[in-house]
């Protein structure tokens, strides 16, 4: 398995490690360790930084954490010889328009993700960029207010990552079913945020995918 000196993770609340404890109403707990730490240790990284931030999206059209969107911050973001980007579930959840392939407009998902992933490759062409697709969530097959399901955002990311020669990890295939009562108790109580057991499972899934 390839080793990296410095690994940087960008993502939303899942990457940060935020989850809802069983019986609670809101995601107030933080997994320790979250998957970025587990992955980095397994890859024997000398340094890792987890920039997971609750609520952020690729697009600045999201109605939550707009100024902190990856589109608005990627030009000055910290780089490493490996960069993981795990965003998209909030773009779906906040009804960001999908847009069209080839756009670089931060007000659509295609445009924002294309700009962000292209910017990472331009700024650090020798880095390995891993694009983690959104994980399973309970409502993923329900069209959002602009008419798209989560797979539409996943498929957009696959095409953009391919354009820039980046490595796709299909988080949608994580073996967790939010509709299963057993998996809800074990991994994903609120249907969106994985708990500590879920983070261990995700870390193993990522390592197997890139190994």
N, C-alpha and C. Protein backbone atom coordinates (compact mmCIF):
# COMPACT_ATOMS: atom_id res chain seq x y z
N UNK A 1 0.85 -1.20 0.00
CA UNK A 1 0.00 0.00 0.00
C UNK A 1 0.89 1.25 0.00
N UNK A 2 0.55 2.20 -0.85
CA UNK A 2 1.34 3.42 -0.97
C UNK A 2 1.32 4.22 0.33
N UNK A 3 2.46 4.81 0.67
CA UNK A 3 2.56 5.61 1.88
C UNK A 3 2.62 7.09 1.51
N UNK A 4 2.16 7.93 2.43
CA UNK A 4 2.14 9.37 2.20
C UNK A 4 2.74 10.08 3.41
N UNK A 5 3.44 11.17 3.16
CA UNK A 5 3.99 11.95 4.26
C UNK A 5 2.91 12.82 4.91
N UNK A 6 2.10 13.46 4.08
CA UNK A 6 1.09 14.38 4.61
C UNK A 6 -0.23 14.14 3.89
N UNK A 7 -1.26 13.87 4.68
CA UNK A 7 -2.60 13.64 4.14
C UNK A 7 -3.53 14.71 4.68
N UNK A 8 -4.29 15.33 3.78
CA UNK A 8 -5.24 16.36 4.16
C UNK A 8 -6.64 15.90 3.77
N UNK A 9 -7.57 16.06 4.69
CA UNK A 9 -8.96 15.65 4.46
C UNK A 9 -9.86 16.87 4.46
N UNK A 10 -10.71 16.98 3.43
CA UNK A 10 -11.74 18.00 3.38
C UNK A 10 -13.09 17.30 3.31
N UNK A 11 -14.02 17.75 4.11
CA UNK A 11 -15.33 17.13 4.12
C UNK A 11 -16.28 17.85 5.04
N UNK A 12 -17.44 17.26 5.19
CA UNK A 12 -18.50 17.85 6.00
C UNK A 12 -18.51 17.22 7.39
N UNK A 13 -19.66 17.18 8.04
CA UNK A 13 -19.76 16.69 9.41
C UNK A 13 -19.34 15.24 9.54
N UNK A 14 -19.54 14.45 8.50
CA UNK A 14 -19.14 13.04 8.57
C UNK A 14 -17.63 12.94 8.67
N UNK A 15 -16.91 13.70 7.88
CA UNK A 15 -15.45 13.69 7.96
C UNK A 15 -14.97 14.25 9.30
N UNK A 16 -15.65 15.25 9.81
CA UNK A 16 -15.29 15.78 11.12
C UNK A 16 -15.47 14.72 12.21
N UNK A 17 -16.44 13.83 12.01
CA UNK A 17 -16.72 12.79 12.98
C UNK A 17 -18.01 13.00 13.75
N UNK A 18 -18.79 13.99 13.36
CA UNK A 18 -20.03 14.31 14.07
C UNK A 18 -21.08 13.21 13.85
N UNK A 19 -21.71 12.80 14.95
CA UNK A 19 -22.78 11.81 14.81
C UNK A 19 -23.81 11.97 15.92
N UNK A 20 -24.96 11.33 15.71
CA UNK A 20 -26.04 11.37 16.68
C UNK A 20 -26.02 10.10 17.51
N UNK A 21 -25.91 10.26 18.81
CA UNK A 21 -25.93 9.12 19.70
C UNK A 21 -27.33 8.50 19.73
N UNK A 22 -27.39 7.18 19.87
CA UNK A 22 -28.69 6.51 19.90
C UNK A 22 -29.58 7.12 20.97
N UNK A 23 -30.80 7.48 20.57
CA UNK A 23 -31.76 8.08 21.47
C UNK A 23 -31.73 9.59 21.50
N UNK A 24 -30.68 10.20 20.92
CA UNK A 24 -30.57 11.66 20.90
C UNK A 24 -31.33 12.23 19.71
N UNK A 25 -31.54 13.54 19.72
CA UNK A 25 -32.29 14.21 18.67
C UNK A 25 -31.40 14.89 17.64
N UNK A 26 -30.19 15.24 18.00
CA UNK A 26 -29.30 15.98 17.10
C UNK A 26 -27.89 15.40 17.16
N UNK A 27 -27.09 15.62 16.10
CA UNK A 27 -25.72 15.12 16.08
C UNK A 27 -24.79 15.98 16.93
N UNK A 28 -24.54 15.54 18.15
CA UNK A 28 -23.73 16.31 19.08
C UNK A 28 -22.44 15.61 19.49
N UNK A 29 -22.26 14.35 19.09
CA UNK A 29 -21.07 13.59 19.47
C UNK A 29 -20.02 13.68 18.36
N UNK A 30 -18.77 13.45 18.74
CA UNK A 30 -17.66 13.42 17.79
C UNK A 30 -16.95 12.08 17.93
N UNK A 31 -16.85 11.35 16.82
CA UNK A 31 -16.15 10.07 16.83
C UNK A 31 -14.67 10.26 17.13
N UNK A 32 -14.15 9.39 17.96
CA UNK A 32 -12.73 9.46 18.30
C UNK A 32 -12.17 8.03 18.39
N UNK A 33 -11.45 7.62 17.35
CA UNK A 33 -11.03 8.41 16.21
C UNK A 33 -12.08 8.39 15.09
N UNK A 34 -12.09 9.45 14.29
CA UNK A 34 -12.87 9.47 13.06
C UNK A 34 -12.03 8.83 11.95
N UNK A 35 -12.68 8.53 10.83
CA UNK A 35 -11.99 7.77 9.79
C UNK A 35 -10.70 8.42 9.28
N UNK A 36 -10.56 9.77 9.19
CA UNK A 36 -9.29 10.31 8.69
C UNK A 36 -8.09 9.90 9.53
N UNK A 37 -8.26 9.86 10.84
CA UNK A 37 -7.15 9.45 11.70
C UNK A 37 -6.79 7.98 11.51
N UNK A 38 -7.81 7.14 11.40
CA UNK A 38 -7.56 5.71 11.21
C UNK A 38 -6.85 5.46 9.89
N UNK A 39 -7.35 6.07 8.82
CA UNK A 39 -6.75 5.90 7.50
C UNK A 39 -5.30 6.39 7.50
N UNK A 40 -5.07 7.54 8.09
CA UNK A 40 -3.73 8.12 8.09
C UNK A 40 -2.74 7.25 8.85
N UNK A 41 -3.16 6.70 9.96
CA UNK A 41 -2.27 5.81 10.73
C UNK A 41 -1.96 4.55 9.95
N UNK A 42 -2.96 3.99 9.29
CA UNK A 42 -2.73 2.77 8.51
C UNK A 42 -1.79 3.03 7.33
N UNK A 43 -1.84 4.24 6.78
CA UNK A 43 -0.96 4.61 5.67
C UNK A 43 0.38 5.14 6.15
N UNK A 44 0.58 5.14 7.48
CA UNK A 44 1.84 5.55 8.11
C UNK A 44 2.22 6.98 7.73
N UNK A 45 1.21 7.84 7.64
CA UNK A 45 1.48 9.24 7.31
C UNK A 45 2.23 9.91 8.46
N UNK A 46 3.20 10.75 8.13
CA UNK A 46 3.91 11.51 9.15
C UNK A 46 3.02 12.60 9.74
N UNK A 47 2.06 13.07 8.94
CA UNK A 47 1.20 14.16 9.38
C UNK A 47 -0.14 14.05 8.66
N UNK A 48 -1.22 14.31 9.39
CA UNK A 48 -2.52 14.41 8.73
C UNK A 48 -3.29 15.55 9.35
N UNK A 49 -4.15 16.16 8.55
CA UNK A 49 -4.99 17.26 9.01
C UNK A 49 -6.41 16.98 8.56
N UNK A 50 -7.34 17.08 9.50
CA UNK A 50 -8.74 16.85 9.21
C UNK A 50 -9.48 18.19 9.21
N UNK A 51 -9.85 18.65 8.01
CA UNK A 51 -10.59 19.90 7.88
C UNK A 51 -12.09 19.67 7.73
N UNK A 52 -12.58 18.56 8.27
CA UNK A 52 -14.02 18.32 8.24
C UNK A 52 -14.77 19.42 8.98
N UNK A 53 -15.82 19.94 8.35
CA UNK A 53 -16.58 21.06 8.90
C UNK A 53 -18.07 20.79 8.77
N UNK A 54 -18.78 20.89 9.85
CA UNK A 54 -20.23 20.64 9.81
C UNK A 54 -20.92 21.54 8.79
N UNK A 55 -21.72 20.93 7.94
CA UNK A 55 -22.62 21.70 7.08
C UNK A 55 -22.11 22.12 5.73
N UNK A 56 -20.82 21.93 5.43
CA UNK A 56 -20.32 22.52 4.18
C UNK A 56 -20.63 21.66 2.96
N UNK A 57 -20.61 22.30 1.82
CA UNK A 57 -20.90 21.71 0.52
C UNK A 57 -19.81 22.08 -0.47
N UNK A 58 -19.86 21.47 -1.65
CA UNK A 58 -19.04 21.97 -2.76
C UNK A 58 -19.52 23.35 -3.17
N UNK A 59 -20.82 23.49 -3.35
CA UNK A 59 -21.39 24.68 -3.98
C UNK A 59 -21.65 25.81 -2.99
N UNK A 60 -21.46 27.03 -3.46
CA UNK A 60 -21.82 28.19 -2.65
C UNK A 60 -23.32 28.49 -2.73
N UNK A 61 -24.06 27.68 -3.49
CA UNK A 61 -25.51 27.84 -3.56
C UNK A 61 -26.22 27.20 -2.37
N UNK A 62 -25.49 26.40 -1.61
CA UNK A 62 -26.10 25.79 -0.42
C UNK A 62 -26.54 26.88 0.54
N UNK A 63 -27.67 26.69 1.16
CA UNK A 63 -28.18 27.69 2.10
C UNK A 63 -27.55 27.57 3.48
N UNK A 64 -26.68 26.57 3.67
CA UNK A 64 -26.00 26.38 4.95
C UNK A 64 -24.49 26.56 4.75
N UNK A 65 -23.85 27.32 5.62
CA UNK A 65 -22.39 27.50 5.59
C UNK A 65 -21.90 27.97 4.21
N UNK A 66 -22.61 28.89 3.63
CA UNK A 66 -22.32 29.34 2.27
C UNK A 66 -20.89 29.85 2.12
N UNK A 67 -20.46 30.71 3.03
CA UNK A 67 -19.13 31.30 2.91
C UNK A 67 -18.02 30.27 3.07
N UNK A 68 -18.31 29.20 3.80
CA UNK A 68 -17.31 28.16 4.03
C UNK A 68 -17.33 27.07 2.96
N UNK A 69 -18.16 27.23 1.94
CA UNK A 69 -18.23 26.20 0.90
C UNK A 69 -16.85 25.94 0.32
N UNK A 70 -16.65 24.73 -0.17
CA UNK A 70 -15.34 24.40 -0.74
C UNK A 70 -15.04 25.28 -1.94
N UNK A 71 -16.07 25.64 -2.67
CA UNK A 71 -15.88 26.54 -3.82
C UNK A 71 -15.24 27.85 -3.38
N UNK A 72 -15.64 28.35 -2.23
CA UNK A 72 -15.13 29.63 -1.75
C UNK A 72 -13.78 29.54 -1.05
N UNK A 73 -13.32 28.34 -0.74
CA UNK A 73 -12.10 28.20 0.06
C UNK A 73 -10.99 27.41 -0.63
N UNK A 74 -11.30 26.73 -1.71
CA UNK A 74 -10.34 25.79 -2.29
C UNK A 74 -9.07 26.46 -2.82
N UNK A 75 -9.17 27.70 -3.25
CA UNK A 75 -8.00 28.36 -3.82
C UNK A 75 -6.90 28.62 -2.79
N UNK A 76 -7.25 28.60 -1.51
CA UNK A 76 -6.26 28.84 -0.46
C UNK A 76 -6.15 27.66 0.51
N UNK A 77 -6.77 26.53 0.18
CA UNK A 77 -6.77 25.41 1.10
C UNK A 77 -5.39 24.77 1.19
N UNK A 78 -5.14 24.14 2.32
CA UNK A 78 -3.85 23.47 2.54
C UNK A 78 -3.79 22.21 1.70
N UNK A 79 -2.59 21.89 1.24
CA UNK A 79 -2.40 20.75 0.35
C UNK A 79 -1.51 19.70 1.02
N UNK A 80 -1.57 18.48 0.51
CA UNK A 80 -0.71 17.40 0.96
C UNK A 80 -0.36 16.52 -0.22
N UNK A 81 0.48 15.51 0.01
CA UNK A 81 0.77 14.62 -1.11
C UNK A 81 -0.38 13.63 -1.34
N UNK A 82 -1.31 13.58 -0.38
CA UNK A 82 -2.60 12.92 -0.60
C UNK A 82 -3.69 13.86 -0.08
N UNK A 83 -4.75 14.01 -0.86
CA UNK A 83 -5.86 14.89 -0.49
C UNK A 83 -7.16 14.11 -0.65
N UNK A 84 -7.92 14.01 0.41
CA UNK A 84 -9.23 13.37 0.36
C UNK A 84 -10.31 14.44 0.38
N UNK A 85 -11.27 14.34 -0.53
CA UNK A 85 -12.39 15.27 -0.57
C UNK A 85 -13.67 14.45 -0.43
N UNK A 86 -14.42 14.72 0.64
CA UNK A 86 -15.63 13.93 0.94
C UNK A 86 -16.79 14.89 1.15
N UNK A 87 -17.35 15.35 0.06
CA UNK A 87 -18.44 16.32 0.09
C UNK A 87 -19.54 15.88 -0.88
N UNK A 88 -20.68 16.53 -0.80
CA UNK A 88 -21.76 16.27 -1.75
C UNK A 88 -23.08 15.95 -1.11
N UNK A 89 -23.05 15.32 0.07
CA UNK A 89 -24.34 14.97 0.69
C UNK A 89 -25.11 16.22 1.10
N UNK A 90 -24.41 17.30 1.49
CA UNK A 90 -25.11 18.53 1.84
C UNK A 90 -25.58 19.30 0.61
N UNK A 91 -24.89 19.15 -0.51
CA UNK A 91 -25.38 19.76 -1.76
C UNK A 91 -26.74 19.15 -2.11
N UNK A 92 -26.82 17.83 -2.01
CA UNK A 92 -28.11 17.15 -2.22
C UNK A 92 -29.13 17.60 -1.18
N UNK A 93 -28.72 17.60 0.08
CA UNK A 93 -29.65 17.87 1.16
C UNK A 93 -30.14 19.31 1.22
N UNK A 94 -29.39 20.24 0.63
CA UNK A 94 -29.82 21.65 0.62
C UNK A 94 -30.28 22.10 -0.76
N UNK A 95 -30.56 21.12 -1.63
CA UNK A 95 -31.23 21.40 -2.91
C UNK A 95 -30.40 22.24 -3.88
N UNK A 96 -29.09 22.00 -3.90
CA UNK A 96 -28.25 22.69 -4.88
C UNK A 96 -28.57 22.16 -6.28
N UNK A 97 -28.82 23.04 -7.25
CA UNK A 97 -29.10 22.58 -8.61
C UNK A 97 -27.93 21.77 -9.16
N UNK A 98 -28.21 20.73 -9.92
CA UNK A 98 -27.15 19.88 -10.45
C UNK A 98 -26.32 20.60 -11.51
N UNK A 99 -26.97 21.33 -12.40
CA UNK A 99 -26.25 22.00 -13.48
C UNK A 99 -25.83 21.04 -14.57
N UNK A 100 -24.83 21.44 -15.35
CA UNK A 100 -24.41 20.65 -16.51
C UNK A 100 -22.90 20.45 -16.50
N UNK A 101 -22.47 19.34 -17.10
CA UNK A 101 -21.05 19.04 -17.21
C UNK A 101 -20.33 20.18 -17.93
N UNK A 102 -19.14 20.51 -17.46
CA UNK A 102 -18.34 21.54 -18.07
C UNK A 102 -18.48 22.91 -17.44
N UNK A 103 -19.48 23.10 -16.59
CA UNK A 103 -19.64 24.37 -15.90
C UNK A 103 -18.57 24.55 -14.83
N UNK A 104 -18.28 25.80 -14.50
CA UNK A 104 -17.42 26.10 -13.35
C UNK A 104 -18.08 27.17 -12.49
N UNK A 105 -19.38 27.25 -12.57
CA UNK A 105 -20.17 28.21 -11.81
C UNK A 105 -20.45 27.64 -10.42
N UNK A 106 -20.06 28.36 -9.38
CA UNK A 106 -20.23 27.88 -8.03
C UNK A 106 -21.66 27.75 -7.57
N UNK A 107 -22.61 28.18 -8.39
CA UNK A 107 -24.02 28.11 -8.01
C UNK A 107 -24.68 26.80 -8.43
N UNK A 108 -23.95 25.92 -9.11
CA UNK A 108 -24.46 24.59 -9.43
C UNK A 108 -23.48 23.55 -8.91
N UNK A 109 -23.97 22.32 -8.77
CA UNK A 109 -23.10 21.27 -8.25
C UNK A 109 -22.01 20.91 -9.25
N UNK A 110 -22.39 20.68 -10.51
CA UNK A 110 -21.39 20.39 -11.52
C UNK A 110 -20.33 21.49 -11.56
N UNK A 111 -20.78 22.73 -11.58
CA UNK A 111 -19.85 23.84 -11.69
C UNK A 111 -18.92 23.95 -10.50
N UNK A 112 -19.46 23.84 -9.29
CA UNK A 112 -18.64 23.98 -8.10
C UNK A 112 -17.67 22.82 -7.95
N UNK A 113 -18.15 21.61 -8.15
CA UNK A 113 -17.27 20.45 -7.99
C UNK A 113 -16.18 20.45 -9.06
N UNK A 114 -16.52 20.82 -10.30
CA UNK A 114 -15.52 20.89 -11.36
C UNK A 114 -14.45 21.92 -11.01
N UNK A 115 -14.86 23.07 -10.55
CA UNK A 115 -13.90 24.09 -10.17
C UNK A 115 -12.99 23.61 -9.04
N UNK A 116 -13.59 23.02 -8.02
CA UNK A 116 -12.81 22.60 -6.85
C UNK A 116 -11.81 21.49 -7.20
N UNK A 117 -12.27 20.46 -7.87
CA UNK A 117 -11.38 19.35 -8.17
C UNK A 117 -10.33 19.74 -9.20
N UNK A 118 -10.70 20.62 -10.13
CA UNK A 118 -9.72 21.13 -11.08
C UNK A 118 -8.68 22.01 -10.41
N UNK A 119 -9.11 22.80 -9.44
CA UNK A 119 -8.19 23.67 -8.72
C UNK A 119 -7.18 22.86 -7.91
N UNK A 120 -7.63 21.79 -7.27
CA UNK A 120 -6.71 20.94 -6.52
C UNK A 120 -5.65 20.34 -7.43
N UNK A 121 -6.07 19.86 -8.58
CA UNK A 121 -5.12 19.26 -9.52
C UNK A 121 -4.16 20.30 -10.07
N UNK A 122 -4.65 21.51 -10.33
CA UNK A 122 -3.78 22.57 -10.86
C UNK A 122 -2.78 23.03 -9.81
N UNK A 123 -3.21 23.14 -8.56
CA UNK A 123 -2.33 23.63 -7.51
C UNK A 123 -1.33 22.58 -7.06
N UNK A 124 -1.69 21.32 -7.14
CA UNK A 124 -0.83 20.25 -6.64
C UNK A 124 -0.89 19.05 -7.58
N UNK A 125 -0.32 19.19 -8.77
CA UNK A 125 -0.49 18.16 -9.80
C UNK A 125 0.08 16.80 -9.45
N UNK A 126 1.05 16.75 -8.52
CA UNK A 126 1.65 15.47 -8.17
C UNK A 126 0.97 14.78 -6.99
N UNK A 127 0.00 15.44 -6.40
CA UNK A 127 -0.73 14.84 -5.28
C UNK A 127 -1.73 13.80 -5.78
N UNK A 128 -1.97 12.79 -4.97
CA UNK A 128 -3.08 11.88 -5.22
C UNK A 128 -4.34 12.50 -4.61
N UNK A 129 -5.34 12.75 -5.44
CA UNK A 129 -6.60 13.31 -4.95
C UNK A 129 -7.64 12.20 -4.96
N UNK A 130 -8.18 11.91 -3.78
CA UNK A 130 -9.20 10.89 -3.61
C UNK A 130 -10.55 11.56 -3.43
N UNK A 131 -11.49 11.21 -4.29
CA UNK A 131 -12.84 11.79 -4.22
C UNK A 131 -13.75 10.73 -3.62
N UNK A 132 -14.14 10.95 -2.37
CA UNK A 132 -15.04 10.02 -1.69
C UNK A 132 -16.48 10.42 -1.97
N UNK A 133 -17.21 9.55 -2.64
CA UNK A 133 -18.61 9.84 -2.96
C UNK A 133 -19.46 9.77 -1.70
N UNK A 134 -20.59 10.51 -1.68
CA UNK A 134 -21.44 10.52 -0.49
C UNK A 134 -21.85 9.13 -0.02
N UNK A 135 -21.84 8.97 1.30
CA UNK A 135 -22.21 7.70 1.92
C UNK A 135 -23.72 7.47 1.83
N UNK A 136 -24.18 6.25 2.07
CA UNK A 136 -25.62 6.00 2.11
C UNK A 136 -26.30 6.88 3.17
N UNK A 137 -27.50 7.34 2.86
CA UNK A 137 -28.33 8.06 3.83
C UNK A 137 -29.77 7.65 3.62
N UNK A 138 -30.58 7.78 4.65
CA UNK A 138 -31.92 7.22 4.64
C UNK A 138 -32.77 7.75 3.50
N UNK A 139 -32.63 9.03 3.17
CA UNK A 139 -33.50 9.65 2.16
C UNK A 139 -32.87 9.73 0.78
N UNK A 140 -31.82 8.96 0.53
CA UNK A 140 -31.01 9.16 -0.68
C UNK A 140 -31.76 8.92 -1.99
N UNK A 141 -32.83 8.17 -1.95
CA UNK A 141 -33.60 7.90 -3.18
C UNK A 141 -34.81 8.81 -3.33
N UNK A 142 -34.95 9.76 -2.43
CA UNK A 142 -36.05 10.72 -2.51
C UNK A 142 -35.58 11.97 -3.25
N UNK A 143 -36.25 12.35 -4.33
CA UNK A 143 -35.82 13.57 -5.02
C UNK A 143 -35.87 14.78 -4.10
N UNK A 144 -34.83 15.61 -4.16
CA UNK A 144 -34.84 16.84 -3.37
C UNK A 144 -35.72 17.89 -4.04
N UNK A 145 -35.71 19.11 -3.54
CA UNK A 145 -36.65 20.12 -4.05
C UNK A 145 -36.34 20.55 -5.48
N UNK A 146 -35.16 20.25 -5.97
CA UNK A 146 -34.85 20.57 -7.37
C UNK A 146 -34.88 19.32 -8.25
N UNK A 147 -35.37 18.22 -7.68
CA UNK A 147 -35.69 17.05 -8.49
C UNK A 147 -34.61 16.00 -8.64
N UNK A 148 -33.57 16.03 -7.80
CA UNK A 148 -32.47 15.09 -7.96
C UNK A 148 -32.31 14.20 -6.74
N UNK A 149 -31.88 12.95 -6.99
CA UNK A 149 -31.57 12.02 -5.91
C UNK A 149 -30.05 12.04 -5.68
N UNK A 150 -29.61 11.41 -4.60
CA UNK A 150 -28.19 11.49 -4.26
C UNK A 150 -27.31 10.87 -5.32
N UNK A 151 -27.77 9.82 -6.00
CA UNK A 151 -26.97 9.22 -7.06
C UNK A 151 -26.65 10.20 -8.19
N UNK A 152 -27.52 11.17 -8.42
CA UNK A 152 -27.23 12.17 -9.45
C UNK A 152 -25.97 12.96 -9.10
N UNK A 153 -25.79 13.27 -7.84
CA UNK A 153 -24.61 14.00 -7.38
C UNK A 153 -23.38 13.08 -7.38
N UNK A 154 -23.59 11.83 -7.00
CA UNK A 154 -22.48 10.87 -7.06
C UNK A 154 -21.99 10.71 -8.50
N UNK A 155 -22.91 10.55 -9.43
CA UNK A 155 -22.53 10.34 -10.83
C UNK A 155 -21.81 11.55 -11.40
N UNK A 156 -22.23 12.74 -11.00
CA UNK A 156 -21.53 13.95 -11.44
C UNK A 156 -20.09 13.94 -10.95
N UNK A 157 -19.88 13.56 -9.70
CA UNK A 157 -18.52 13.53 -9.15
C UNK A 157 -17.65 12.51 -9.88
N UNK A 158 -18.22 11.38 -10.24
CA UNK A 158 -17.44 10.37 -10.97
C UNK A 158 -16.93 10.95 -12.29
N UNK A 159 -17.79 11.64 -13.01
CA UNK A 159 -17.38 12.17 -14.32
C UNK A 159 -16.35 13.28 -14.16
N UNK A 160 -16.47 14.10 -13.13
CA UNK A 160 -15.51 15.19 -12.91
C UNK A 160 -14.17 14.64 -12.46
N UNK A 161 -14.18 13.70 -11.54
CA UNK A 161 -12.92 13.10 -11.08
C UNK A 161 -12.19 12.41 -12.22
N UNK A 162 -12.93 11.74 -13.08
CA UNK A 162 -12.32 11.09 -14.24
C UNK A 162 -11.67 12.12 -15.15
N UNK A 163 -12.30 13.25 -15.31
CA UNK A 163 -11.76 14.33 -16.15
C UNK A 163 -10.38 14.78 -15.68
N UNK A 164 -10.17 14.81 -14.37
CA UNK A 164 -8.90 15.29 -13.82
C UNK A 164 -7.96 14.18 -13.38
N UNK A 165 -8.32 12.94 -13.67
CA UNK A 165 -7.45 11.82 -13.32
C UNK A 165 -7.36 11.57 -11.83
N UNK A 166 -8.44 11.87 -11.12
CA UNK A 166 -8.47 11.67 -9.68
C UNK A 166 -9.10 10.33 -9.32
N UNK A 167 -8.89 9.89 -8.11
CA UNK A 167 -9.26 8.54 -7.70
C UNK A 167 -10.61 8.57 -6.99
N UNK A 168 -11.57 7.83 -7.51
CA UNK A 168 -12.91 7.78 -6.92
C UNK A 168 -13.01 6.62 -5.94
N UNK A 169 -13.54 6.91 -4.77
CA UNK A 169 -13.90 5.88 -3.80
C UNK A 169 -15.41 5.97 -3.63
N UNK A 170 -16.11 4.93 -4.00
CA UNK A 170 -17.57 4.98 -4.02
C UNK A 170 -18.13 4.74 -2.62
N UNK A 171 -18.22 5.82 -1.85
CA UNK A 171 -18.77 5.72 -0.50
C UNK A 171 -20.20 5.24 -0.47
N UNK A 172 -20.90 5.36 -1.60
CA UNK A 172 -22.27 4.86 -1.66
C UNK A 172 -22.35 3.36 -1.50
N UNK A 173 -21.22 2.66 -1.67
CA UNK A 173 -21.18 1.21 -1.53
C UNK A 173 -20.74 0.76 -0.14
N UNK A 174 -20.55 1.71 0.76
CA UNK A 174 -20.26 1.32 2.14
C UNK A 174 -21.36 0.38 2.62
N UNK A 175 -21.01 -0.78 3.18
CA UNK A 175 -22.04 -1.76 3.54
C UNK A 175 -22.83 -1.37 4.79
N UNK A 176 -23.55 -0.28 4.68
CA UNK A 176 -24.42 0.21 5.74
C UNK A 176 -25.77 0.54 5.12
N UNK A 177 -26.83 0.02 5.69
CA UNK A 177 -28.18 0.28 5.19
C UNK A 177 -28.93 1.10 6.23
N UNK A 178 -29.10 2.41 6.00
CA UNK A 178 -29.77 3.25 6.99
C UNK A 178 -31.23 2.88 7.22
N UNK A 179 -31.81 2.10 6.32
CA UNK A 179 -33.20 1.67 6.49
C UNK A 179 -33.32 0.41 7.33
N UNK A 180 -32.18 -0.22 7.62
CA UNK A 180 -32.17 -1.43 8.43
C UNK A 180 -32.15 -1.06 9.91
N UNK A 181 -33.04 -1.64 10.68
CA UNK A 181 -33.06 -1.36 12.12
C UNK A 181 -31.75 -1.77 12.78
N UNK A 182 -31.19 -2.89 12.33
CA UNK A 182 -29.94 -3.36 12.91
C UNK A 182 -28.79 -2.41 12.60
N UNK A 183 -28.70 -1.96 11.34
CA UNK A 183 -27.63 -1.03 10.96
C UNK A 183 -27.83 0.33 11.61
N UNK A 184 -29.08 0.73 11.78
CA UNK A 184 -29.35 2.00 12.47
C UNK A 184 -28.78 1.97 13.88
N UNK A 185 -29.01 0.88 14.60
CA UNK A 185 -28.47 0.77 15.95
C UNK A 185 -26.96 0.65 15.96
N UNK A 186 -26.42 -0.06 14.99
CA UNK A 186 -24.98 -0.36 15.01
C UNK A 186 -24.12 0.75 14.44
N UNK A 187 -24.62 1.44 13.38
CA UNK A 187 -23.76 2.35 12.63
C UNK A 187 -24.28 3.77 12.43
N UNK A 188 -25.60 3.95 12.27
CA UNK A 188 -26.06 5.21 11.69
C UNK A 188 -27.44 5.58 12.25
N UNK A 189 -27.49 5.91 13.52
CA UNK A 189 -28.75 6.08 14.22
C UNK A 189 -29.68 7.09 13.56
N UNK A 190 -29.13 8.22 13.11
CA UNK A 190 -30.00 9.26 12.54
C UNK A 190 -30.21 9.14 11.04
N UNK A 191 -29.66 8.10 10.44
CA UNK A 191 -29.86 7.86 9.01
C UNK A 191 -28.90 8.60 8.10
N UNK A 192 -28.01 9.42 8.67
CA UNK A 192 -27.07 10.20 7.86
C UNK A 192 -25.63 10.13 8.39
N UNK A 193 -25.46 10.26 9.70
CA UNK A 193 -24.12 10.39 10.29
C UNK A 193 -23.69 9.06 10.92
N UNK A 194 -22.59 8.51 10.44
CA UNK A 194 -22.09 7.26 11.00
C UNK A 194 -21.45 7.51 12.37
N UNK A 195 -21.58 6.53 13.26
CA UNK A 195 -21.00 6.63 14.59
C UNK A 195 -19.57 6.08 14.61
N UNK A 196 -19.01 5.85 15.78
CA UNK A 196 -17.62 5.40 15.85
C UNK A 196 -17.42 4.04 15.17
N UNK A 197 -18.37 3.14 15.35
CA UNK A 197 -18.28 1.85 14.65
C UNK A 197 -18.36 2.07 13.14
N UNK A 198 -19.19 3.01 12.71
CA UNK A 198 -19.28 3.34 11.30
C UNK A 198 -17.99 3.92 10.76
N UNK A 199 -17.30 4.72 11.56
CA UNK A 199 -16.02 5.29 11.13
C UNK A 199 -14.96 4.21 10.98
N UNK A 200 -14.96 3.24 11.86
CA UNK A 200 -14.01 2.13 11.71
C UNK A 200 -14.32 1.34 10.44
N UNK A 201 -15.60 1.14 10.18
CA UNK A 201 -16.00 0.43 8.96
C UNK A 201 -15.61 1.22 7.72
N UNK A 202 -15.86 2.53 7.73
CA UNK A 202 -15.53 3.37 6.58
C UNK A 202 -14.02 3.40 6.35
N UNK A 203 -13.25 3.51 7.40
CA UNK A 203 -11.79 3.52 7.24
C UNK A 203 -11.31 2.23 6.58
N UNK A 204 -11.83 1.10 7.03
CA UNK A 204 -11.44 -0.17 6.43
C UNK A 204 -11.87 -0.24 4.97
N UNK A 205 -13.05 0.27 4.69
CA UNK A 205 -13.57 0.29 3.32
C UNK A 205 -12.64 1.13 2.42
N UNK A 206 -12.24 2.30 2.88
CA UNK A 206 -11.35 3.18 2.10
C UNK A 206 -10.02 2.50 1.87
N UNK A 207 -9.45 1.93 2.90
CA UNK A 207 -8.14 1.29 2.78
C UNK A 207 -8.19 0.12 1.82
N UNK A 208 -9.26 -0.65 1.87
CA UNK A 208 -9.42 -1.76 0.92
C UNK A 208 -9.54 -1.24 -0.51
N UNK A 209 -10.23 -0.11 -0.68
CA UNK A 209 -10.43 0.43 -2.03
C UNK A 209 -9.15 0.96 -2.63
N UNK A 210 -8.29 1.54 -1.81
CA UNK A 210 -7.07 2.15 -2.35
C UNK A 210 -5.86 1.22 -2.24
N UNK A 211 -6.05 0.08 -1.59
CA UNK A 211 -4.94 -0.84 -1.38
C UNK A 211 -4.53 -1.59 -2.61
